[in-house]
Amino acid sequence: MLLPQDSFPESKLLSYDKLAHLGVFGILSFLVLLGKRNKEDKVRLENKSLIRTLTICIVYGLVLESLQSVVPGRMTDIYDLLSNTIGAIAGVVVFSTFIKY
């Protein structure tokens, strides 16, 4: 997340950078919930745990985006933050869906 922008190939439609943000935060939220579930020995986590995990991932994304302003070749981008948030939500939704079955 803190690599210079020119480390990623360019794309006109959907940038690899946005896909990377989405994927990383989806995996992050999924793994946080999986670890929490294993630690608590519960089959299904409460909504409070899902919201807390989502909040942590969004704040983490916000901090990373803020730090990018001090990295040469990077800048804070609201669309990166949006990709982080959508990825975190997707991870929580995927986790919730798979845990039901």
PDB file of N, CA and C in Angstrom:
ATOM      1  N   MET A   1       0.806  -1.195   0.000  1.00  0.00           N
ATOM      2  CA  MET A   1       0.000   0.000   0.000  1.00  0.00           C
ATOM      3  C   MET A   1       0.851   1.262   0.000  1.00  0.00           C
ATOM      4  N   LEU A   2       2.095   1.144   0.402  1.00  0.00           N
ATOM      5  CA  LEU A   2       2.942   2.333   0.447  1.00  0.00           C
ATOM      6  C   LEU A   2       4.009   2.338  -0.637  1.00  0.00           C
ATOM      7  N   LEU A   3       3.871   1.468  -1.647  1.00  0.00           N
ATOM      8  CA  LEU A   3       4.803   1.475  -2.771  1.00  0.00           C
ATOM      9  C   LEU A   3       4.519   2.663  -3.682  1.00  0.00           C
ATOM     10  N   PRO A   4       5.536   3.155  -4.391  1.00  0.00           N
ATOM     11  CA  PRO A   4       5.285   4.248  -5.342  1.00  0.00           C
ATOM     12  C   PRO A   4       4.289   3.835  -6.418  1.00  0.00           C
ATOM     13  N   GLN A   5       3.518   4.803  -6.904  1.00  0.00           N
ATOM     14  CA  GLN A   5       2.461   4.535  -7.879  1.00  0.00           C
ATOM     15  C   GLN A   5       2.975   3.880  -9.150  1.00  0.00           C
ATOM     16  N   ASP A   6       4.181   4.250  -9.578  1.00  0.00           N
ATOM     17  CA  ASP A   6       4.698   3.690 -10.828  1.00  0.00           C
ATOM     18  C   ASP A   6       5.095   2.227 -10.704  1.00  0.00           C
ATOM     19  N   SER A   7       4.901   1.608  -9.543  1.00  0.00           N
ATOM     20  CA  SER A   7       5.149   0.181  -9.368  1.00  0.00           C
ATOM     21  C   SER A   7       4.031  -0.660  -9.973  1.00  0.00           C
ATOM     22  N   PHE A   8       2.897  -0.029 -10.253  1.00  0.00           N
ATOM     23  CA  PHE A   8       1.729  -0.739 -10.769  1.00  0.00           C
ATOM     24  C   PHE A   8       1.525  -0.400 -12.235  1.00  0.00           C
ATOM     25  N   PRO A   9       1.119  -1.391 -13.049  1.00  0.00           N
ATOM     26  CA  PRO A   9       0.822  -1.096 -14.453  1.00  0.00           C
ATOM     27  C   PRO A   9      -0.428  -0.224 -14.568  1.00  0.00           C
ATOM     28  N   GLU A  10      -0.492   0.559 -15.627  1.00  0.00           N
ATOM     29  CA  GLU A  10      -1.637   1.444 -15.867  1.00  0.00           C
ATOM     30  C   GLU A  10      -2.782   0.674 -16.523  1.00  0.00           C
ATOM     31  N   SER A  11      -3.993   1.086 -16.248  1.00  0.00           N
ATOM     32  CA  SER A  11      -5.184   0.523 -16.872  1.00  0.00           C
ATOM     33  C   SER A  11      -6.199   1.644 -17.027  1.00  0.00           C
ATOM     34  N   LYS A  12      -6.883   1.677 -18.156  1.00  0.00           N
ATOM     35  CA  LYS A  12      -7.854   2.732 -18.404  1.00  0.00           C
ATOM     36  C   LYS A  12      -9.166   2.496 -17.648  1.00  0.00           C
ATOM     37  N   LEU A  13      -9.671   1.276 -17.654  1.00  0.00           N
ATOM     38  CA  LEU A  13     -10.984   0.985 -17.092  1.00  0.00           C
ATOM     39  C   LEU A  13     -10.954   0.870 -15.569  1.00  0.00           C
ATOM     40  N   LEU A  14     -10.180  -0.068 -15.073  1.00  0.00           N
ATOM     41  CA  LEU A  14     -10.112  -0.315 -13.633  1.00  0.00           C
ATOM     42  C   LEU A  14      -8.655  -0.566 -13.293  1.00  0.00           C
ATOM     43  N   SER A  15      -8.078   0.278 -12.483  1.00  0.00           N
ATOM     44  CA  SER A  15      -6.644   0.180 -12.232  1.00  0.00           C
ATOM     45  C   SER A  15      -6.320  -1.012 -11.341  1.00  0.00           C
ATOM     46  N   TYR A  16      -5.138  -1.552 -11.544  1.00  0.00           N
ATOM     47  CA  TYR A  16      -4.668  -2.660 -10.722  1.00  0.00           C
ATOM     48  C   TYR A  16      -4.507  -2.219  -9.283  1.00  0.00           C
ATOM     49  N   ASP A  17      -4.196  -0.951  -9.102  1.00  0.00           N
ATOM     50  CA  ASP A  17      -4.052  -0.400  -7.757  1.00  0.00           C
ATOM     51  C   ASP A  17      -5.358  -0.535  -6.977  1.00  0.00           C
ATOM     52  N   LYS A  18      -6.481  -0.197  -7.608  1.00  0.00           N
ATOM     53  CA  LYS A  18      -7.786  -0.286  -6.933  1.00  0.00           C
ATOM     54  C   LYS A  18      -8.153  -1.745  -6.653  1.00  0.00           C
ATOM     55  N   LEU A  19      -7.851  -2.620  -7.604  1.00  0.00           N
ATOM     56  CA  LEU A  19      -8.109  -4.053  -7.386  1.00  0.00           C
ATOM     57  C   LEU A  19      -7.250  -4.606  -6.252  1.00  0.00           C
ATOM     58  N   ALA A  20      -6.010  -4.127  -6.163  1.00  0.00           N
ATOM     59  CA  ALA A  20      -5.118  -4.564  -5.082  1.00  0.00           C
ATOM     60  C   ALA A  20      -5.674  -4.110  -3.735  1.00  0.00           C
ATOM     61  N   HIS A  21      -6.119  -2.874  -3.652  1.00  0.00           N
ATOM     62  CA  HIS A  21      -6.708  -2.370  -2.408  1.00  0.00           C
ATOM     63  C   HIS A  21      -7.938  -3.187  -2.032  1.00  0.00           C
ATOM     64  N   LEU A  22      -8.806  -3.417  -2.987  1.00  0.00           N
ATOM     65  CA  LEU A  22     -10.027  -4.180  -2.746  1.00  0.00           C
ATOM     66  C   LEU A  22      -9.702  -5.596  -2.258  1.00  0.00           C
ATOM     67  N   GLY A  23      -8.791  -6.261  -2.950  1.00  0.00           N
ATOM     68  CA  GLY A  23      -8.438  -7.634  -2.591  1.00  0.00           C
ATOM     69  C   GLY A  23      -7.750  -7.751  -1.249  1.00  0.00           C
ATOM     70  N   VAL A  24      -6.814  -6.864  -0.989  1.00  0.00           N
ATOM     71  CA  VAL A  24      -6.067  -6.923   0.272  1.00  0.00           C
ATOM     72  C   VAL A  24      -6.992  -6.691   1.461  1.00  0.00           C
ATOM     73  N   PHE A  25      -7.881  -5.720   1.361  1.00  0.00           N
ATOM     74  CA  PHE A  25      -8.767  -5.438   2.490  1.00  0.00           C
ATOM     75  C   PHE A  25      -9.876  -6.472   2.619  1.00  0.00           C
ATOM     76  N   GLY A  26     -10.266  -7.101   1.522  1.00  0.00           N
ATOM     77  CA  GLY A  26     -11.212  -8.215   1.615  1.00  0.00           C
ATOM     78  C   GLY A  26     -10.596  -9.390   2.356  1.00  0.00           C
ATOM     79  N   ILE A  27      -9.367  -9.703   2.009  1.00  0.00           N
ATOM     80  CA  ILE A  27      -8.655 -10.794   2.679  1.00  0.00           C
ATOM     81  C   ILE A  27      -8.396 -10.443   4.140  1.00  0.00           C
ATOM     82  N   LEU A  28      -8.002  -9.196   4.397  1.00  0.00           N
ATOM     83  CA  LEU A  28      -7.728  -8.755   5.769  1.00  0.00           C
ATOM     84  C   LEU A  28      -8.953  -8.935   6.661  1.00  0.00           C
ATOM     85  N   SER A  29     -10.092  -8.426   6.245  1.00  0.00           N
ATOM     86  CA  SER A  29     -11.287  -8.534   7.090  1.00  0.00           C
ATOM     87  C   SER A  29     -11.730  -9.983   7.260  1.00  0.00           C
ATOM     88  N   PHE A  30     -11.607 -10.786   6.200  1.00  0.00           N
ATOM     89  CA  PHE A  30     -11.970 -12.197   6.289  1.00  0.00           C
ATOM     90  C   PHE A  30     -11.083 -12.922   7.305  1.00  0.00           C
ATOM     91  N   LEU A  31      -9.768 -12.684   7.226  1.00  0.00           N
ATOM     92  CA  LEU A  31      -8.843 -13.367   8.132  1.00  0.00           C
ATOM     93  C   LEU A  31      -8.984 -12.896   9.577  1.00  0.00           C
ATOM     94  N   VAL A  32      -9.273 -11.617   9.779  1.00  0.00           N
ATOM     95  CA  VAL A  32      -9.499 -11.121  11.144  1.00  0.00           C
ATOM     96  C   VAL A  32     -10.712 -11.823  11.746  1.00  0.00           C
ATOM     97  N   LEU A  33     -11.779 -11.929  10.984  1.00  0.00           N
ATOM     98  CA  LEU A  33     -12.982 -12.601  11.483  1.00  0.00           C
ATOM     99  C   LEU A  33     -12.744 -14.095  11.706  1.00  0.00           C
ATOM    100  N   LEU A  34     -12.001 -14.722  10.821  1.00  0.00           N
ATOM    101  CA  LEU A  34     -11.690 -16.144  10.978  1.00  0.00           C
ATOM    102  C   LEU A  34     -10.881 -16.375  12.249  1.00  0.00           C
ATOM    103  N   GLY A  35      -9.884 -15.528  12.489  1.00  0.00           N
ATOM    104  CA  GLY A  35      -9.087 -15.647  13.715  1.00  0.00           C
ATOM    105  C   GLY A  35      -9.915 -15.406  14.954  1.00  0.00           C
ATOM    106  N   LYS A  36     -10.809 -14.426  14.906  1.00  0.00           N
ATOM    107  CA  LYS A  36     -11.676 -14.130  16.043  1.00  0.00           C
ATOM    108  C   LYS A  36     -12.612 -15.297  16.321  1.00  0.00           C
ATOM    109  N   ARG A  37     -13.128 -15.884  15.264  1.00  0.00           N
ATOM    110  CA  ARG A  37     -14.034 -17.031  15.428  1.00  0.00           C
ATOM    111  C   ARG A  37     -13.295 -18.213  16.049  1.00  0.00           C
ATOM    112  N   ASN A  38     -12.091 -18.481  15.584  1.00  0.00           N
ATOM    113  CA  ASN A  38     -11.314 -19.596  16.121  1.00  0.00           C
ATOM    114  C   ASN A  38     -10.933 -19.349  17.575  1.00  0.00           C
ATOM    115  N   LYS A  39     -10.640 -18.103  17.917  1.00  0.00           N
ATOM    116  CA  LYS A  39     -10.253 -17.765  19.284  1.00  0.00           C
ATOM    117  C   LYS A  39     -11.424 -17.919  20.250  1.00  0.00           C
ATOM    118  N   GLU A  40     -12.597 -17.525  19.815  1.00  0.00           N
ATOM    119  CA  GLU A  40     -13.765 -17.554  20.686  1.00  0.00           C
ATOM    120  C   GLU A  40     -14.511 -18.880  20.648  1.00  0.00           C
ATOM    121  N   ASP A  41     -14.113 -19.781  19.769  1.00  0.00           N
ATOM    122  CA  ASP A  41     -14.775 -21.083  19.642  1.00  0.00           C
ATOM    123  C   ASP A  41     -16.283 -20.957  19.406  1.00  0.00           C
ATOM    124  N   LYS A  42     -16.649 -19.994  18.614  1.00  0.00           N
ATOM    125  CA  LYS A  42     -18.058 -19.818  18.275  1.00  0.00           C
ATOM    126  C   LYS A  42     -18.242 -20.165  16.809  1.00  0.00           C
ATOM    127  N   VAL A  43     -19.358 -20.783  16.505  1.00  0.00           N
ATOM    128  CA  VAL A  43     -19.661 -21.106  15.116  1.00  0.00           C
ATOM    129  C   VAL A  43     -20.047 -19.835  14.374  1.00  0.00           C
ATOM    130  N   ARG A  44     -20.815 -18.986  15.012  1.00  0.00           N
ATOM    131  CA  ARG A  44     -21.294 -17.756  14.374  1.00  0.00           C
ATOM    132  C   ARG A  44     -20.946 -16.575  15.270  1.00  0.00           C
ATOM    133  N   LEU A  45     -20.307 -15.566  14.705  1.00  0.00           N
ATOM    134  CA  LEU A  45     -19.953 -14.375  15.464  1.00  0.00           C
ATOM    135  C   LEU A  45     -21.143 -13.429  15.564  1.00  0.00           C
ATOM    136  N   GLU A  46     -21.159 -12.639  16.621  1.00  0.00           N
ATOM    137  CA  GLU A  46     -22.216 -11.652  16.793  1.00  0.00           C
ATOM    138  C   GLU A  46     -22.015 -10.491  15.818  1.00  0.00           C
ATOM    139  N   ASN A  47     -23.085  -9.760  15.555  1.00  0.00           N
ATOM    140  CA  ASN A  47     -23.005  -8.590  14.671  1.00  0.00           C
ATOM    141  C   ASN A  47     -22.003  -7.568  15.186  1.00  0.00           C
ATOM    142  N   LYS A  48     -21.866  -7.491  16.519  1.00  0.00           N
ATOM    143  CA  LYS A  48     -20.922  -6.548  17.118  1.00  0.00           C
ATOM    144  C   LYS A  48     -19.499  -6.846  16.652  1.00  0.00           C
ATOM    145  N   SER A  49     -19.138  -8.106  16.539  1.00  0.00           N
ATOM    146  CA  SER A  49     -17.804  -8.485  16.077  1.00  0.00           C
ATOM    147  C   SER A  49     -17.608  -8.144  14.604  1.00  0.00           C
ATOM    148  N   LEU A  50     -18.659  -8.325  13.818  1.00  0.00           N
ATOM    149  CA  LEU A  50     -18.569  -7.988  12.395  1.00  0.00           C
ATOM    150  C   LEU A  50     -18.379  -6.491  12.202  1.00  0.00           C
ATOM    151  N   ILE A  51     -19.138  -5.703  12.940  1.00  0.00           N
ATOM    152  CA  ILE A  51     -19.032  -4.241  12.836  1.00  0.00           C
ATOM    153  C   ILE A  51     -17.683  -3.759  13.358  1.00  0.00           C
ATOM    154  N   ARG A  52     -17.209  -4.337  14.442  1.00  0.00           N
ATOM    155  CA  ARG A  52     -15.909  -3.947  15.004  1.00  0.00           C
ATOM    156  C   ARG A  52     -14.789  -4.253  14.010  1.00  0.00           C
ATOM    157  N   THR A  53     -14.830  -5.413  13.383  1.00  0.00           N
ATOM    158  CA  THR A  53     -13.820  -5.776  12.389  1.00  0.00           C
ATOM    159  C   THR A  53     -13.874  -4.831  11.202  1.00  0.00           C
ATOM    160  N   LEU A  54     -15.052  -4.525  10.744  1.00  0.00           N
ATOM    161  CA  LEU A  54     -15.220  -3.600   9.625  1.00  0.00           C
ATOM    162  C   LEU A  54     -14.665  -2.220   9.984  1.00  0.00           C
ATOM    163  N   THR A  55     -14.954  -1.757  11.179  1.00  0.00           N
ATOM    164  CA  THR A  55     -14.451  -0.456  11.637  1.00  0.00           C
ATOM    165  C   THR A  55     -12.932  -0.443  11.700  1.00  0.00           C
ATOM    166  N   ILE A  56     -12.338  -1.490  12.241  1.00  0.00           N
ATOM    167  CA  ILE A  56     -10.876  -1.584  12.336  1.00  0.00           C
ATOM    168  C   ILE A  56     -10.249  -1.549  10.944  1.00  0.00           C
ATOM    169  N   CYS A  57     -10.804  -2.291  10.016  1.00  0.00           N
ATOM    170  CA  CYS A  57     -10.249  -2.336   8.659  1.00  0.00           C
ATOM    171  C   CYS A  57     -10.382  -0.992   7.959  1.00  0.00           C
ATOM    172  N   ILE A  58     -11.497  -0.304   8.154  1.00  0.00           N
ATOM    173  CA  ILE A  58     -11.694   1.005   7.522  1.00  0.00           C
ATOM    174  C   ILE A  58     -10.731   2.027   8.120  1.00  0.00           C
ATOM    175  N   VAL A  59     -10.562   2.028   9.433  1.00  0.00           N
ATOM    176  CA  VAL A  59      -9.619   2.957  10.078  1.00  0.00           C
ATOM    177  C   VAL A  59      -8.194   2.654   9.629  1.00  0.00           C
ATOM    178  N   TYR A  60      -7.851   1.382   9.528  1.00  0.00           N
ATOM    179  CA  TYR A  60      -6.521   0.985   9.044  1.00  0.00           C
ATOM    180  C   TYR A  60      -6.298   1.499   7.619  1.00  0.00           C
ATOM    181  N   GLY A  61      -7.299   1.375   6.776  1.00  0.00           N
ATOM    182  CA  GLY A  61      -7.210   1.886   5.411  1.00  0.00           C
ATOM    183  C   GLY A  61      -7.047   3.397   5.387  1.00  0.00           C
ATOM    184  N   LEU A  62      -7.753   4.084   6.268  1.00  0.00           N
ATOM    185  CA  LEU A  62      -7.643   5.534   6.364  1.00  0.00           C
ATOM    186  C   LEU A  62      -6.235   5.952   6.797  1.00  0.00           C
ATOM    187  N   VAL A  63      -5.676   5.235   7.760  1.00  0.00           N
ATOM    188  CA  VAL A  63      -4.309   5.522   8.211  1.00  0.00           C
ATOM    189  C   VAL A  63      -3.315   5.289   7.079  1.00  0.00           C
ATOM    190  N   LEU A  64      -3.455   4.175   6.368  1.00  0.00           N
ATOM    191  CA  LEU A  64      -2.548   3.906   5.248  1.00  0.00           C
ATOM    192  C   LEU A  64      -2.656   4.962   4.164  1.00  0.00           C
ATOM    193  N   GLU A  65      -3.870   5.380   3.857  1.00  0.00           N
ATOM    194  CA  GLU A  65      -4.038   6.423   2.847  1.00  0.00           C
ATOM    195  C   GLU A  65      -3.406   7.733   3.310  1.00  0.00           C
ATOM    196  N   SER A  66      -3.516   8.041   4.577  1.00  0.00           N
ATOM    197  CA  SER A  66      -2.895   9.256   5.108  1.00  0.00           C
ATOM    198  C   SER A  66      -1.373   9.175   5.025  1.00  0.00           C
ATOM    199  N   LEU A  67      -0.817   7.999   5.313  1.00  0.00           N
ATOM    200  CA  LEU A  67       0.634   7.812   5.250  1.00  0.00           C
ATOM    201  C   LEU A  67       1.165   7.934   3.825  1.00  0.00           C
ATOM    202  N   GLN A  68       0.327   7.643   2.844  1.00  0.00           N
ATOM    203  CA  GLN A  68       0.779   7.726   1.453  1.00  0.00           C
ATOM    204  C   GLN A  68       1.146   9.151   1.053  1.00  0.00           C
ATOM    205  N   SER A  69       0.641  10.131   1.765  1.00  0.00           N
ATOM    206  CA  SER A  69       0.966  11.519   1.429  1.00  0.00           C
ATOM    207  C   SER A  69       2.424  11.860   1.715  1.00  0.00           C
ATOM    208  N   VAL A  70       3.104  11.052   2.526  1.00  0.00           N
ATOM    209  CA  VAL A  70       4.516  11.307   2.828  1.00  0.00           C
ATOM    210  C   VAL A  70       5.452  10.400   2.031  1.00  0.00           C
ATOM    211  N   VAL A  71       4.900   9.494   1.216  1.00  0.00           N
ATOM    212  CA  VAL A  71       5.706   8.598   0.390  1.00  0.00           C
ATOM    213  C   VAL A  71       5.914   9.252  -0.973  1.00  0.00           C
ATOM    214  N   PRO A  72       7.178   9.363  -1.411  1.00  0.00           N
ATOM    215  CA  PRO A  72       7.418   9.962  -2.731  1.00  0.00           C
ATOM    216  C   PRO A  72       6.708   9.169  -3.838  1.00  0.00           C
ATOM    217  N   GLY A  73       6.047   9.887  -4.722  1.00  0.00           N
ATOM    218  CA  GLY A  73       5.354   9.246  -5.832  1.00  0.00           C
ATOM    219  C   GLY A  73       3.957   8.764  -5.494  1.00  0.00           C
ATOM    220  N   ARG A  74       3.521   8.943  -4.250  1.00  0.00           N
ATOM    221  CA  ARG A  74       2.159   8.536  -3.853  1.00  0.00           C
ATOM    222  C   ARG A  74       1.415   9.751  -3.330  1.00  0.00           C
ATOM    223  N   MET A  75       0.103   9.651  -3.350  1.00  0.00           N
ATOM    224  CA  MET A  75      -0.718  10.699  -2.752  1.00  0.00           C
ATOM    225  C   MET A  75      -1.975  10.049  -2.184  1.00  0.00           C
ATOM    226  N   THR A  76      -2.591  10.725  -1.250  1.00  0.00           N
ATOM    227  CA  THR A  76      -3.833  10.240  -0.671  1.00  0.00           C
ATOM    228  C   THR A  76      -4.912  10.295  -1.743  1.00  0.00           C
ATOM    229  N   ASP A  77      -5.643   9.184  -1.882  1.00  0.00           N
ATOM    230  CA  ASP A  77      -6.663   9.087  -2.920  1.00  0.00           C
ATOM    231  C   ASP A  77      -7.955   8.573  -2.299  1.00  0.00           C
ATOM    232  N   ILE A  78      -9.014   9.335  -2.427  1.00  0.00           N
ATOM    233  CA  ILE A  78     -10.306   8.958  -1.873  1.00  0.00           C
ATOM    234  C   ILE A  78     -10.826   7.668  -2.513  1.00  0.00           C
ATOM    235  N   TYR A  79     -10.468   7.434  -3.773  1.00  0.00           N
ATOM    236  CA  TYR A  79     -10.919   6.211  -4.449  1.00  0.00           C
ATOM    237  C   TYR A  79     -10.190   4.977  -3.912  1.00  0.00           C
ATOM    238  N   ASP A  80      -8.951   5.150  -3.467  1.00  0.00           N
ATOM    239  CA  ASP A  80      -8.256   4.052  -2.800  1.00  0.00           C
ATOM    240  C   ASP A  80      -8.949   3.723  -1.482  1.00  0.00           C
ATOM    241  N   LEU A  81      -9.311   4.759  -0.742  1.00  0.00           N
ATOM    242  CA  LEU A  81     -10.028   4.552   0.516  1.00  0.00           C
ATOM    243  C   LEU A  81     -11.370   3.869   0.259  1.00  0.00           C
ATOM    244  N   LEU A  82     -12.039   4.266  -0.803  1.00  0.00           N
ATOM    245  CA  LEU A  82     -13.305   3.629  -1.177  1.00  0.00           C
ATOM    246  C   LEU A  82     -13.086   2.156  -1.530  1.00  0.00           C
ATOM    247  N   SER A  83     -12.009   1.862  -2.263  1.00  0.00           N
ATOM    248  CA  SER A  83     -11.680   0.469  -2.593  1.00  0.00           C
ATOM    249  C   SER A  83     -11.368  -0.334  -1.338  1.00  0.00           C
ATOM    250  N   ASN A  84     -10.647   0.280  -0.397  1.00  0.00           N
ATOM    251  CA  ASN A  84     -10.354  -0.381   0.878  1.00  0.00           C
ATOM    252  C   ASN A  84     -11.652  -0.730   1.602  1.00  0.00           C
ATOM    253  N   THR A  85     -12.557   0.231   1.657  1.00  0.00           N
ATOM    254  CA  THR A  85     -13.820   0.043   2.366  1.00  0.00           C
ATOM    255  C   THR A  85     -14.680  -1.026   1.700  1.00  0.00           C
ATOM    256  N   ILE A  86     -14.782  -0.986   0.383  1.00  0.00           N
ATOM    257  CA  ILE A  86     -15.565  -1.994  -0.338  1.00  0.00           C
ATOM    258  C   ILE A  86     -14.948  -3.379  -0.147  1.00  0.00           C
ATOM    259  N   GLY A  87     -13.631  -3.454  -0.180  1.00  0.00           N
ATOM    260  CA  GLY A  87     -12.958  -4.736   0.055  1.00  0.00           C
ATOM    261  C   GLY A  87     -13.231  -5.268   1.446  1.00  0.00           C
ATOM    262  N   ALA A  88     -13.173  -4.395   2.451  1.00  0.00           N
ATOM    263  CA  ALA A  88     -13.448  -4.819   3.824  1.00  0.00           C
ATOM    264  C   ALA A  88     -14.886  -5.309   3.970  1.00  0.00           C
ATOM    265  N   ILE A  89     -15.818  -4.590   3.370  1.00  0.00           N
ATOM    266  CA  ILE A  89     -17.227  -5.007   3.404  1.00  0.00           C
ATOM    267  C   ILE A  89     -17.393  -6.354   2.703  1.00  0.00           C
ATOM    268  N   ALA A  90     -16.743  -6.510   1.563  1.00  0.00           N
ATOM    269  CA  ALA A  90     -16.837  -7.779   0.825  1.00  0.00           C
ATOM    270  C   ALA A  90     -16.285  -8.939   1.659  1.00  0.00           C
ATOM    271  N   GLY A  91     -15.186  -8.706   2.357  1.00  0.00           N
ATOM    272  CA  GLY A  91     -14.623  -9.756   3.211  1.00  0.00           C
ATOM    273  C   GLY A  91     -15.567 -10.163   4.322  1.00  0.00           C
ATOM    274  N   VAL A  92     -16.230  -9.181   4.929  1.00  0.00           N
ATOM    275  CA  VAL A  92     -17.197  -9.472   5.992  1.00  0.00           C
ATOM    276  C   VAL A  92     -18.401 -10.228   5.423  1.00  0.00           C
ATOM    277  N   VAL A  93     -18.872  -9.816   4.260  1.00  0.00           N
ATOM    278  CA  VAL A  93     -20.026 -10.487   3.632  1.00  0.00           C
ATOM    279  C   VAL A  93     -19.675 -11.922   3.251  1.00  0.00           C
ATOM    280  N   VAL A  94     -18.507 -12.124   2.660  1.00  0.00           N
ATOM    281  CA  VAL A  94     -18.081 -13.475   2.279  1.00  0.00           C
ATOM    282  C   VAL A  94     -17.946 -14.345   3.514  1.00  0.00           C
ATOM    283  N   PHE A  95     -17.323 -13.812   4.562  1.00  0.00           N
ATOM    284  CA  PHE A  95     -17.171 -14.576   5.799  1.00  0.00           C
ATOM    285  C   PHE A  95     -18.544 -14.954   6.364  1.00  0.00           C
ATOM    286  N   SER A  96     -19.443 -13.972   6.443  1.00  0.00           N
ATOM    287  CA  SER A  96     -20.782 -14.225   6.996  1.00  0.00           C
ATOM    288  C   SER A  96     -21.542 -15.263   6.180  1.00  0.00           C
ATOM    289  N   THR A  97     -21.381 -15.199   4.865  1.00  0.00           N
ATOM    290  CA  THR A  97     -22.079 -16.147   3.988  1.00  0.00           C
ATOM    291  C   THR A  97     -21.530 -17.562   4.167  1.00  0.00           C
ATOM    292  N   PHE A  98     -20.204 -17.693   4.179  1.00  0.00           N
ATOM    293  CA  PHE A  98     -19.615 -19.026   4.300  1.00  0.00           C
ATOM    294  C   PHE A  98     -19.818 -19.627   5.684  1.00  0.00           C
ATOM    295  N   ILE A  99     -19.851 -18.806   6.719  1.00  0.00           N
ATOM    296  CA  ILE A  99     -19.982 -19.325   8.068  1.00  0.00           C
ATOM    297  C   ILE A  99     -21.393 -19.873   8.311  1.00  0.00           C
ATOM    298  N   LYS A 100     -22.376 -19.351   7.559  1.00  0.00           N
ATOM    299  CA  LYS A 100     -23.741 -19.851   7.701  1.00  0.00           C
ATOM    300  C   LYS A 100     -23.863 -21.292   7.209  1.00  0.00           C
ATOM    301  N   TYR A 101     -23.053 -21.613   6.181  1.00  0.00           N
ATOM    302  CA  TYR A 101     -23.149 -22.930   5.580  1.00  0.00           C
ATOM    303  C   TYR A 101     -22.004 -23.759   6.053  1.00  0.00           C
TER     304      TYR A 101
END
